[in-house]
N, C-alpha and C. Protein backbone atom coordinates (compact mmCIF):
# COMPACT_ATOMS: atom_id res chain seq x y z
N GLU A 1 0.75 -1.24 -0.13
CA GLU A 1 -0.06 0.03 0.00
C GLU A 1 0.87 1.27 0.10
N GLU A 2 0.67 2.11 -0.86
CA GLU A 2 1.44 3.45 -1.12
C GLU A 2 0.75 4.47 -0.28
N LYS A 3 1.56 5.28 0.43
CA LYS A 3 0.93 6.37 1.30
C LYS A 3 0.72 7.56 0.24
N HIS A 4 -0.46 8.27 0.60
CA HIS A 4 -0.78 9.46 -0.24
C HIS A 4 -0.28 10.70 0.63
N ALA A 5 0.07 11.77 -0.10
CA ALA A 5 0.74 12.87 0.38
C ALA A 5 -0.23 13.59 1.51
N SER A 6 -1.60 13.56 1.09
CA SER A 6 -2.46 14.30 2.01
C SER A 6 -3.67 13.58 2.42
N LEU A 7 -3.86 12.32 1.97
CA LEU A 7 -5.19 11.60 2.41
C LEU A 7 -4.61 10.47 3.28
N GLN A 8 -5.49 10.19 4.37
CA GLN A 8 -5.20 9.16 5.34
C GLN A 8 -6.33 8.18 5.17
N ARG A 9 -5.90 6.89 5.30
CA ARG A 9 -6.77 5.76 5.07
C ARG A 9 -7.40 5.44 6.45
N ASP A 10 -8.80 5.08 6.40
CA ASP A 10 -9.51 4.47 7.51
C ASP A 10 -10.46 3.43 6.94
N GLY A 11 -9.97 2.19 6.74
CA GLY A 11 -10.76 1.16 6.05
C GLY A 11 -11.00 1.57 4.45
N GLU A 12 -12.23 1.67 4.07
CA GLU A 12 -12.43 2.14 2.70
C GLU A 12 -12.55 3.72 2.67
N ASN A 13 -12.70 4.34 3.76
CA ASN A 13 -12.83 5.71 3.87
C ASN A 13 -11.43 6.42 3.80
N LEU A 14 -11.43 7.53 3.32
CA LEU A 14 -10.24 8.45 3.31
C LEU A 14 -10.51 9.62 4.11
N ILE A 15 -9.50 10.19 4.73
CA ILE A 15 -9.64 11.35 5.59
C ILE A 15 -8.68 12.47 5.04
N TYR A 16 -9.19 13.65 5.00
CA TYR A 16 -8.42 14.85 4.56
C TYR A 16 -8.64 15.97 5.53
N GLU A 17 -7.66 16.54 6.05
CA GLU A 17 -7.69 17.66 6.96
C GLU A 17 -7.61 18.98 6.16
N LEU A 18 -8.60 19.80 6.07
CA LEU A 18 -8.78 20.97 5.37
C LEU A 18 -8.62 22.22 6.41
N PHE A 19 -7.50 22.96 6.09
CA PHE A 19 -7.26 24.21 6.73
C PHE A 19 -7.93 25.28 6.13
N LEU A 20 -8.75 26.05 6.87
CA LEU A 20 -9.40 27.24 6.47
C LEU A 20 -9.01 28.45 7.26
N SER A 21 -8.99 29.60 6.60
CA SER A 21 -8.73 30.79 7.29
C SER A 21 -10.00 31.26 8.15
N PHE A 22 -9.86 32.06 9.09
CA PHE A 22 -11.10 32.47 9.83
C PHE A 22 -12.02 33.22 8.87
N PRO A 23 -11.67 34.06 7.89
CA PRO A 23 -12.62 34.59 7.07
C PRO A 23 -13.41 33.55 6.19
N GLU A 24 -12.65 32.57 5.68
CA GLU A 24 -13.25 31.57 4.88
C GLU A 24 -14.34 30.92 5.76
N ALA A 25 -14.03 30.39 6.92
CA ALA A 25 -15.00 29.69 7.81
C ALA A 25 -16.12 30.64 8.24
N ALA A 26 -15.87 31.79 8.39
CA ALA A 26 -16.94 32.76 8.91
C ALA A 26 -17.89 33.19 7.76
N LEU A 27 -17.30 33.64 6.57
CA LEU A 27 -18.11 33.98 5.48
C LEU A 27 -18.61 32.88 4.46
N GLY A 28 -18.03 31.78 4.58
CA GLY A 28 -18.33 30.64 3.59
C GLY A 28 -17.21 30.84 2.41
N SER A 29 -17.14 29.63 1.67
CA SER A 29 -16.19 29.69 0.60
C SER A 29 -16.46 28.49 -0.27
N SER A 30 -15.73 28.48 -1.27
CA SER A 30 -15.65 27.31 -2.20
C SER A 30 -14.27 26.93 -2.42
N VAL A 31 -13.86 25.61 -2.07
CA VAL A 31 -12.49 25.17 -2.07
C VAL A 31 -12.50 23.87 -2.82
N GLU A 32 -11.20 23.49 -3.30
CA GLU A 32 -10.88 22.25 -3.83
C GLU A 32 -10.27 21.33 -2.91
N VAL A 33 -10.57 20.12 -2.87
CA VAL A 33 -9.85 19.18 -1.96
C VAL A 33 -9.47 18.03 -2.94
N PRO A 34 -8.30 17.39 -2.52
CA PRO A 34 -7.74 16.32 -3.31
C PRO A 34 -8.60 15.03 -3.24
N THR A 35 -8.66 14.24 -4.18
CA THR A 35 -9.26 13.08 -4.29
C THR A 35 -8.38 11.95 -5.02
N LEU A 36 -8.76 10.76 -4.97
CA LEU A 36 -7.88 9.87 -5.70
C LEU A 36 -7.87 9.97 -7.18
N GLU A 37 -9.04 10.65 -7.73
CA GLU A 37 -9.13 10.88 -9.16
C GLU A 37 -8.64 12.29 -9.47
N GLY A 38 -8.22 13.24 -8.64
CA GLY A 38 -7.79 14.53 -8.95
C GLY A 38 -8.42 15.39 -7.79
N LYS A 39 -9.25 16.34 -8.22
CA LYS A 39 -9.73 17.34 -7.20
C LYS A 39 -11.33 17.35 -7.19
N ALA A 40 -11.89 17.70 -6.10
CA ALA A 40 -13.27 17.95 -5.92
C ALA A 40 -13.63 19.27 -5.41
N LYS A 41 -14.48 19.97 -5.92
CA LYS A 41 -15.03 21.28 -5.28
C LYS A 41 -15.98 21.24 -4.26
N ILE A 42 -15.84 21.75 -3.12
CA ILE A 42 -16.75 21.71 -2.07
C ILE A 42 -17.13 23.06 -1.63
N LYS A 43 -18.31 23.14 -1.15
CA LYS A 43 -18.90 24.49 -0.67
C LYS A 43 -18.80 24.49 0.86
N ILE A 44 -18.22 25.54 1.41
CA ILE A 44 -18.05 25.67 2.82
C ILE A 44 -19.09 26.65 3.16
N GLU A 45 -19.93 26.21 4.15
CA GLU A 45 -21.14 27.07 4.54
C GLU A 45 -20.51 28.18 5.50
N ALA A 46 -21.19 29.32 5.48
CA ALA A 46 -20.80 30.51 6.35
C ALA A 46 -21.05 29.98 7.76
N GLY A 47 -20.11 30.30 8.66
CA GLY A 47 -20.15 29.83 10.04
C GLY A 47 -19.71 28.48 10.32
N THR A 48 -18.86 27.78 9.43
CA THR A 48 -18.49 26.56 9.65
C THR A 48 -17.50 26.49 10.72
N GLN A 49 -17.63 25.58 11.61
CA GLN A 49 -16.84 25.51 12.86
C GLN A 49 -15.61 24.59 12.78
N SER A 50 -14.57 24.77 13.40
CA SER A 50 -13.36 24.03 13.44
C SER A 50 -13.88 22.58 13.96
N GLY A 51 -13.54 21.47 13.45
CA GLY A 51 -13.86 20.13 13.80
C GLY A 51 -15.03 19.46 13.10
N LYS A 52 -15.72 20.38 12.26
CA LYS A 52 -16.83 19.83 11.46
C LYS A 52 -16.25 18.91 10.51
N ILE A 53 -17.07 17.80 10.14
CA ILE A 53 -16.61 16.77 9.07
C ILE A 53 -17.62 16.67 8.12
N LEU A 54 -17.09 16.92 6.85
CA LEU A 54 -17.95 16.89 5.60
C LEU A 54 -17.72 15.51 4.95
N ARG A 55 -18.64 14.89 4.56
CA ARG A 55 -18.68 13.67 3.84
C ARG A 55 -18.87 13.75 2.31
N LEU A 56 -17.93 13.28 1.50
CA LEU A 56 -18.06 13.13 0.04
C LEU A 56 -18.39 11.74 -0.22
N LYS A 57 -19.60 11.39 -0.50
CA LYS A 57 -19.88 10.01 -0.77
C LYS A 57 -19.26 9.42 -2.03
N ASN A 58 -18.75 8.19 -1.89
CA ASN A 58 -18.07 7.44 -2.98
C ASN A 58 -16.89 8.05 -3.57
N LYS A 59 -16.14 8.70 -2.65
CA LYS A 59 -14.82 9.36 -3.16
C LYS A 59 -13.66 8.76 -2.37
N GLY A 60 -13.89 7.63 -1.69
CA GLY A 60 -12.95 6.90 -0.98
C GLY A 60 -12.45 5.57 -1.81
N LEU A 61 -12.03 4.71 -1.17
CA LEU A 61 -11.34 3.44 -1.66
C LEU A 61 -12.48 2.55 -2.08
N PRO A 62 -12.19 1.74 -3.20
CA PRO A 62 -13.19 0.72 -3.58
C PRO A 62 -13.32 -0.30 -2.51
N THR A 63 -14.50 -0.79 -2.29
CA THR A 63 -14.81 -1.70 -1.27
C THR A 63 -14.38 -3.19 -1.80
N ILE A 64 -13.68 -3.90 -0.94
CA ILE A 64 -13.14 -5.15 -1.36
C ILE A 64 -14.28 -6.16 -1.33
N ASN A 65 -14.35 -6.99 -2.43
CA ASN A 65 -15.45 -8.13 -2.49
C ASN A 65 -16.77 -7.51 -2.44
N ARG A 66 -17.12 -6.38 -2.66
CA ARG A 66 -18.46 -5.77 -2.62
C ARG A 66 -18.45 -4.64 -3.63
N TYR A 67 -19.70 -4.21 -3.98
CA TYR A 67 -19.90 -3.14 -4.86
C TYR A 67 -19.91 -1.82 -4.10
N GLY A 68 -19.25 -0.82 -4.70
CA GLY A 68 -19.28 0.44 -4.02
C GLY A 68 -17.87 0.97 -3.66
N ARG A 69 -17.91 2.09 -3.05
CA ARG A 69 -16.65 2.74 -2.56
C ARG A 69 -16.99 3.34 -1.14
N GLY A 70 -15.80 3.63 -0.46
CA GLY A 70 -15.87 4.42 0.79
C GLY A 70 -16.08 6.00 0.42
N ASP A 71 -16.06 6.62 1.56
CA ASP A 71 -16.24 8.13 1.39
C ASP A 71 -14.98 8.85 1.70
N LEU A 72 -14.86 10.12 1.26
CA LEU A 72 -13.94 11.09 1.62
C LEU A 72 -14.36 11.89 2.76
N LEU A 73 -13.76 11.83 3.87
CA LEU A 73 -14.17 12.62 5.00
C LEU A 73 -13.30 13.87 5.25
N VAL A 74 -13.75 15.02 5.06
CA VAL A 74 -13.06 16.28 5.08
C VAL A 74 -13.27 16.88 6.35
N SER A 75 -12.12 16.98 7.33
CA SER A 75 -12.12 17.45 8.65
C SER A 75 -11.68 18.90 8.55
N ILE A 76 -12.54 19.84 9.07
CA ILE A 76 -12.27 21.12 8.99
C ILE A 76 -11.39 21.65 10.21
N SER A 77 -10.45 22.39 9.92
CA SER A 77 -9.62 23.03 10.91
C SER A 77 -9.50 24.48 10.63
N VAL A 78 -9.81 25.39 11.47
CA VAL A 78 -9.79 26.76 11.23
C VAL A 78 -8.40 27.31 11.68
N TRP A 79 -7.71 27.75 10.83
CA TRP A 79 -6.36 28.24 11.12
C TRP A 79 -6.30 29.65 11.67
N VAL A 80 -5.66 29.82 12.78
CA VAL A 80 -5.55 31.14 13.53
C VAL A 80 -4.16 31.50 13.44
N PRO A 81 -3.90 32.83 12.78
CA PRO A 81 -2.52 33.13 12.55
C PRO A 81 -1.82 33.48 14.00
N ARG A 82 -0.52 33.12 13.96
CA ARG A 82 0.34 33.37 15.05
C ARG A 82 0.65 34.78 15.43
N SER A 83 0.75 35.59 14.35
CA SER A 83 1.07 36.93 14.44
C SER A 83 0.26 37.79 13.51
N LEU A 84 0.02 39.00 13.95
CA LEU A 84 -0.90 39.85 13.12
C LEU A 84 -0.20 41.28 12.87
N SER A 85 -0.51 41.78 11.83
CA SER A 85 -0.08 43.18 11.50
C SER A 85 -0.84 44.12 12.51
N LYS A 86 -0.40 45.36 12.59
CA LYS A 86 -1.15 46.37 13.42
C LYS A 86 -2.52 46.61 12.96
N ASN A 87 -2.70 46.59 11.63
CA ASN A 87 -3.98 46.85 11.00
C ASN A 87 -4.98 45.58 11.32
N GLU A 88 -4.39 44.45 11.19
CA GLU A 88 -5.14 43.18 11.44
C GLU A 88 -5.59 43.15 12.83
N LYS A 89 -4.63 43.57 13.75
CA LYS A 89 -5.09 43.46 15.28
C LYS A 89 -6.05 44.49 15.63
N GLU A 90 -5.97 45.64 14.97
CA GLU A 90 -7.02 46.60 15.30
C GLU A 90 -8.38 46.13 14.79
N MET A 91 -8.51 45.51 13.60
CA MET A 91 -9.81 45.04 13.12
C MET A 91 -10.35 44.00 14.12
N LEU A 92 -9.55 43.14 14.51
CA LEU A 92 -9.96 42.04 15.36
C LEU A 92 -10.32 42.62 16.80
N GLU A 93 -9.63 43.60 17.26
CA GLU A 93 -9.97 44.15 18.54
C GLU A 93 -11.22 44.94 18.44
N GLY A 94 -11.69 45.41 17.30
CA GLY A 94 -12.94 45.96 17.08
C GLY A 94 -14.03 44.99 17.27
N LEU A 95 -13.79 43.73 16.93
CA LEU A 95 -14.83 42.64 16.98
C LEU A 95 -14.82 41.95 18.39
N LEU A 96 -13.89 42.18 19.20
CA LEU A 96 -13.62 41.45 20.43
C LEU A 96 -14.88 41.61 21.36
N HIS A 97 -15.61 42.63 21.34
CA HIS A 97 -16.70 42.76 22.39
C HIS A 97 -18.10 42.64 21.69
N SER A 98 -18.12 42.22 20.42
CA SER A 98 -19.28 41.96 19.66
C SER A 98 -20.00 40.74 20.19
N GLU A 99 -21.21 40.82 20.57
CA GLU A 99 -21.89 39.62 20.99
C GLU A 99 -21.86 38.49 20.11
N ASN A 100 -21.90 38.82 18.77
CA ASN A 100 -21.89 37.77 17.62
C ASN A 100 -20.61 36.95 17.66
N PHE A 101 -19.54 37.57 18.30
CA PHE A 101 -18.28 36.85 18.31
C PHE A 101 -17.97 36.18 19.59
N LYS A 102 -18.85 36.11 20.52
CA LYS A 102 -18.54 35.43 21.67
C LYS A 102 -19.07 33.91 21.54
N PRO A 103 -18.31 32.90 22.11
CA PRO A 103 -18.75 31.57 21.94
C PRO A 103 -20.15 31.31 22.66
N ASN A 104 -21.02 30.76 21.92
CA ASN A 104 -22.40 30.45 22.41
C ASN A 104 -22.81 29.15 21.66
N PRO A 105 -22.25 28.05 22.23
CA PRO A 105 -22.52 26.81 21.60
C PRO A 105 -24.03 26.41 21.83
N SER A 106 -24.62 25.90 20.65
CA SER A 106 -26.02 25.46 20.72
C SER A 106 -25.98 23.79 20.56
N SER A 107 -27.18 23.28 20.54
CA SER A 107 -27.30 21.92 20.30
C SER A 107 -26.72 21.43 18.96
N LYS A 108 -26.80 22.44 18.03
CA LYS A 108 -26.23 22.03 16.54
C LYS A 108 -24.70 22.09 16.67
N ASP A 109 -24.18 22.76 17.54
CA ASP A 109 -22.65 22.85 17.70
C ASP A 109 -22.14 21.71 18.53
N ARG A 110 -22.21 20.50 18.01
CA ARG A 110 -21.72 19.26 18.76
C ARG A 110 -20.24 19.20 19.02
N GLY A 111 -20.02 18.54 19.98
CA GLY A 111 -18.56 18.37 20.52
C GLY A 111 -17.82 17.42 19.68
N PHE A 112 -16.54 17.32 19.83
CA PHE A 112 -15.72 16.43 19.04
C PHE A 112 -16.24 14.89 19.12
N PHE A 113 -16.57 14.36 20.25
CA PHE A 113 -16.94 12.92 20.52
C PHE A 113 -18.25 12.67 19.64
N ASP A 114 -19.09 13.76 19.72
CA ASP A 114 -20.39 13.54 19.11
C ASP A 114 -20.12 13.39 17.47
N ARG A 115 -19.25 14.22 17.05
CA ARG A 115 -19.02 14.10 15.56
C ARG A 115 -18.19 12.78 15.29
N MET A 116 -17.46 12.24 16.11
CA MET A 116 -16.78 10.98 15.82
C MET A 116 -17.81 9.92 15.91
N LYS A 117 -18.73 9.97 16.77
CA LYS A 117 -19.97 8.91 16.87
C LYS A 117 -20.60 9.03 15.41
N GLU A 118 -20.84 10.13 14.90
CA GLU A 118 -21.52 10.32 13.60
C GLU A 118 -20.67 9.69 12.47
N TYR A 119 -19.36 9.73 12.58
CA TYR A 119 -18.37 9.30 11.54
C TYR A 119 -18.38 7.82 11.62
N PHE A 120 -18.46 7.13 12.63
CA PHE A 120 -18.52 5.68 12.78
C PHE A 120 -19.87 4.99 12.57
N GLN A 121 -20.99 5.82 12.45
CA GLN A 121 -22.27 5.20 12.15
C GLN A 121 -22.49 4.99 10.66
C-alpha cells in the first residue's frame, strides 16, 4: 500500500484535513480538496466550525469483495495566525466585544466525540 501525500486511510474511507482561514470559515467559501481521481470542489457554509466533518460520498477506496466505494471525510480546521499586523490586530480588537463573536454553543454545535460517533455510524 502506497501512502498518499495528503489523504489518510481508514478502511475504505479516506480522511483529509482541510485548513481554512477564519474569514473563509466565517463567510463561507468554495474550495478544492484532493481525491484519488484529482480534485473535488466543495462548498463551505458560512459559520463553519473547526472540527466539522464533511462527507463526500463514494470518493474513498473501492470496497473489497463488494460493490461501491468508501467516502472522503473532510475534517475542517480553522487556522488562526500566530502573528498579526497592526491593522489586522486593530480590526480584530474591534470585534472583540461584539456579542456575535462570543462563543455560544448550541445543540447544533456538537462536540468532538459527538462528531466522531457520527463518523462511525
